[in-house]
Amino acid sequence: MIVELPPRRADGDRAAPPVAGEHRVAMARLRALKARHQSVDLYVLYPSHMSIDRLLAYDPEQRKPYRETLTAFYGTEEWLGIVQERLTSAHYHDMYRDLRDLYLSQLRRHWTHADVVMKARAKLRARRLYDMIFAYDHEAAGSIAKYARGQSDQYGFFEGTAS
């Protein structure tokens, strides 16, 4: 999926950055996809430490332009309570974990399994970029996910998660 940058405003800044492809991966679209097809294995790059970061300002007024986008992405407004609990940067880890768990729980309402398969990071830094999530119903797909975990670090960009 290719995402175009938003146009520049008169002041030179870009308009509100979307969650990468958010209109294509809104939770309602994923639900509709699953409802229309009997067997769907879903592989999602969850932008845990990339574009979502820019939308989660401490100041509620700065967050306001992104509220609709984030609600569509998560499929619920529960994300807002999670973000409001972050008082300082010491709470970032908990916030990221809880937001990802919210996303996984939304997927699990429609798929039997939804798990983080790998975590991508910048090669030269240990900084995480995004999580690779795999949602599936059939055990054959689960076997593929387990295999991917075992192959995850061959290029030095990924860390596999526990099986």
Protein backbone atom coordinates (compact mmCIF):
# COMPACT_ATOMS: atom_id res chain seq x y z
CA MET A 1 0.00 0.00 0.00
CA ILE A 2 1.44 3.36 -0.99
CA VAL A 3 0.53 6.36 1.13
CA GLU A 4 0.92 9.84 -0.30
CA LEU A 5 1.99 12.72 1.93
CA PRO A 6 -0.73 15.25 2.63
CA PRO A 7 -0.46 18.57 0.78
CA ARG A 8 1.45 21.48 2.32
CA ARG A 9 -0.54 24.23 3.97
CA ALA A 10 0.17 27.90 3.37
CA ASP A 11 2.49 28.00 6.41
CA GLY A 12 4.63 25.25 4.88
CA ASP A 13 3.58 22.52 7.31
CA ARG A 14 1.84 19.46 6.05
CA ALA A 15 -1.82 18.86 6.85
CA ALA A 16 -2.66 16.32 9.53
CA PRO A 17 -0.61 13.17 8.84
CA PRO A 18 -2.82 10.10 8.61
CA VAL A 19 -2.12 6.79 10.26
CA ALA A 20 -0.42 5.05 7.34
CA GLY A 21 -3.26 4.14 5.02
CA GLU A 22 -5.80 4.55 7.85
CA HIS A 23 -8.74 4.92 5.50
CA ARG A 24 -7.82 1.57 3.96
CA VAL A 25 -7.18 -0.29 7.22
CA ALA A 26 -9.89 1.22 9.41
CA MET A 27 -11.26 -1.46 11.71
CA ALA A 28 -14.68 -1.25 10.00
CA ARG A 29 -13.05 -2.22 6.67
CA LEU A 30 -11.26 -5.15 8.27
CA ARG A 31 -14.54 -6.33 9.82
CA ALA A 32 -16.30 -6.02 6.46
CA LEU A 33 -13.52 -7.98 4.74
CA LYS A 34 -13.85 -10.78 7.27
CA ALA A 35 -17.66 -10.77 7.02
CA ARG A 36 -17.59 -11.10 3.21
CA HIS A 37 -15.05 -13.90 2.99
CA GLN A 38 -15.13 -17.21 4.83
CA SER A 39 -11.36 -17.57 5.12
CA VAL A 40 -9.16 -14.52 5.54
CA ASP A 41 -5.65 -14.50 6.93
CA LEU A 42 -4.72 -10.94 7.75
CA TYR A 43 -1.18 -9.59 7.95
CA VAL A 44 -1.02 -6.04 9.32
CA LEU A 45 1.91 -3.70 9.88
CA TYR A 46 0.79 -1.98 13.06
CA PRO A 47 2.56 1.42 13.21
CA SER A 48 3.19 1.32 16.95
CA HIS A 49 6.22 3.61 16.96
CA MET A 50 5.84 5.41 13.66
CA SER A 51 2.87 7.45 12.48
CA ILE A 52 0.70 6.84 15.55
CA ASP A 53 3.38 8.55 17.65
CA ARG A 54 2.84 11.86 15.89
CA LEU A 55 -0.90 11.83 16.58
CA LEU A 56 -0.78 11.31 20.35
CA ALA A 57 0.13 14.72 21.74
CA TYR A 58 -0.17 15.34 25.48
CA ASP A 59 -2.34 18.39 24.79
CA PRO A 60 -5.94 17.31 24.03
CA GLU A 61 -6.35 20.26 21.65
CA GLN A 62 -3.41 19.08 19.53
CA ARG A 63 -4.88 15.58 19.48
CA LYS A 64 -8.34 16.75 18.42
CA PRO A 65 -7.72 16.76 14.62
CA TYR A 66 -6.76 13.07 14.78
CA ARG A 67 -9.55 11.80 17.02
CA GLU A 68 -11.76 10.58 14.17
CA THR A 69 -8.81 8.93 12.40
CA LEU A 70 -7.66 7.09 15.52
CA THR A 71 -11.21 6.04 16.42
CA ALA A 72 -11.64 4.57 12.93
CA PHE A 73 -8.24 2.86 13.12
CA TYR A 74 -8.93 1.24 16.51
CA GLY A 75 -12.65 0.74 15.88
CA THR A 76 -13.50 2.28 19.24
CA GLU A 77 -12.85 5.38 21.33
CA GLU A 78 -11.17 3.27 24.04
CA TRP A 79 -7.79 4.46 22.69
CA LEU A 80 -8.50 7.91 24.15
CA GLY A 81 -8.63 6.65 27.75
CA ILE A 82 -5.34 4.83 27.25
CA VAL A 83 -3.65 7.97 25.92
CA GLN A 84 -5.08 10.14 28.72
CA GLU A 85 -3.45 7.84 31.31
CA ARG A 86 0.00 8.74 29.94
CA LEU A 87 1.13 11.58 32.17
CA THR A 88 4.86 11.57 31.44
CA SER A 89 7.28 9.88 29.04
CA ALA A 90 7.75 7.20 31.73
CA HIS A 91 4.26 5.97 30.76
CA TYR A 92 5.05 5.52 27.04
CA HIS A 93 5.84 1.80 27.28
CA ASP A 94 2.53 1.06 29.02
CA MET A 95 0.61 3.25 26.59
CA TYR A 96 2.11 1.55 23.51
CA ARG A 97 1.45 -1.90 24.98
CA ASP A 98 -2.14 -1.03 25.90
CA LEU A 99 -2.88 0.52 22.48
CA ARG A 100 -1.49 -2.54 20.71
CA ASP A 101 -3.49 -4.83 23.02
CA LEU A 102 -6.63 -2.83 22.22
CA TYR A 103 -5.98 -3.29 18.49
CA LEU A 104 -5.37 -7.03 18.98
CA SER A 105 -8.56 -7.40 21.02
CA GLN A 106 -10.54 -5.72 18.24
CA LEU A 107 -9.08 -8.16 15.71
CA ARG A 108 -9.81 -11.12 17.99
CA ARG A 109 -13.49 -10.24 17.88
CA HIS A 110 -13.43 -11.45 14.26
CA TRP A 111 -10.46 -13.82 14.01
CA THR A 112 -9.71 -16.75 16.31
CA HIS A 113 -6.07 -15.68 16.68
CA ALA A 114 -4.38 -12.29 16.38
CA ASP A 115 -0.80 -12.02 17.57
CA VAL A 116 2.33 -9.95 17.09
CA VAL A 117 4.60 -12.11 14.95
CA MET A 118 7.59 -9.77 14.64
CA LYS A 119 8.75 -6.35 15.74
CA ALA A 120 10.59 -4.30 13.14
CA ARG A 121 13.33 -1.93 14.24
CA ALA A 122 15.76 0.42 12.62
CA LYS A 123 18.92 -1.55 11.85
CA LEU A 124 21.44 0.93 13.24
CA ARG A 125 19.36 1.73 16.30
CA ALA A 126 17.37 -0.45 18.63
CA ARG A 127 14.37 1.85 18.10
CA ARG A 128 11.20 -0.02 17.24
CA LEU A 129 9.25 1.03 14.19
CA TYR A 130 6.22 -1.20 13.95
CA ASP A 131 4.77 -4.56 14.91
CA MET A 132 3.80 -7.19 12.38
CA ILE A 133 0.44 -8.68 13.37
CA PHE A 134 -1.02 -11.84 11.93
CA ALA A 135 -4.73 -12.65 12.41
CA TYR A 136 -6.04 -16.04 11.35
CA ASP A 137 -8.59 -18.75 12.08
CA HIS A 138 -6.92 -21.92 10.82
CA GLU A 139 -4.00 -23.78 12.39
CA ALA A 140 -2.14 -24.01 9.07
CA ALA A 141 -1.85 -20.23 9.14
CA GLY A 142 -0.63 -20.46 12.73
CA SER A 143 2.16 -22.77 11.57
CA ILE A 144 3.23 -20.15 9.03
CA ALA A 145 3.29 -17.52 11.79
CA LYS A 146 5.49 -19.75 13.98
CA TYR A 147 7.87 -20.33 11.06
CA ALA A 148 8.09 -16.57 10.42
CA ARG A 149 9.03 -16.00 14.05
CA GLY A 150 11.94 -18.41 13.67
CA GLN A 151 13.20 -16.68 10.50
CA SER A 152 12.66 -13.16 11.72
CA ASP A 153 16.18 -11.91 12.38
CA GLN A 154 17.99 -13.13 9.31
CA TYR A 155 18.41 -9.55 8.01
CA GLY A 156 18.93 -7.84 11.37
CA PHE A 157 15.79 -5.71 11.15
CA PHE A 158 13.31 -7.86 13.03
CA GLU A 159 12.97 -9.53 16.38
CA GLY A 160 10.64 -12.51 16.56
CA THR A 161 8.19 -12.82 19.40
CA ALA A 162 7.73 -15.85 21.61
CA SER A 163 5.73 -18.64 19.97
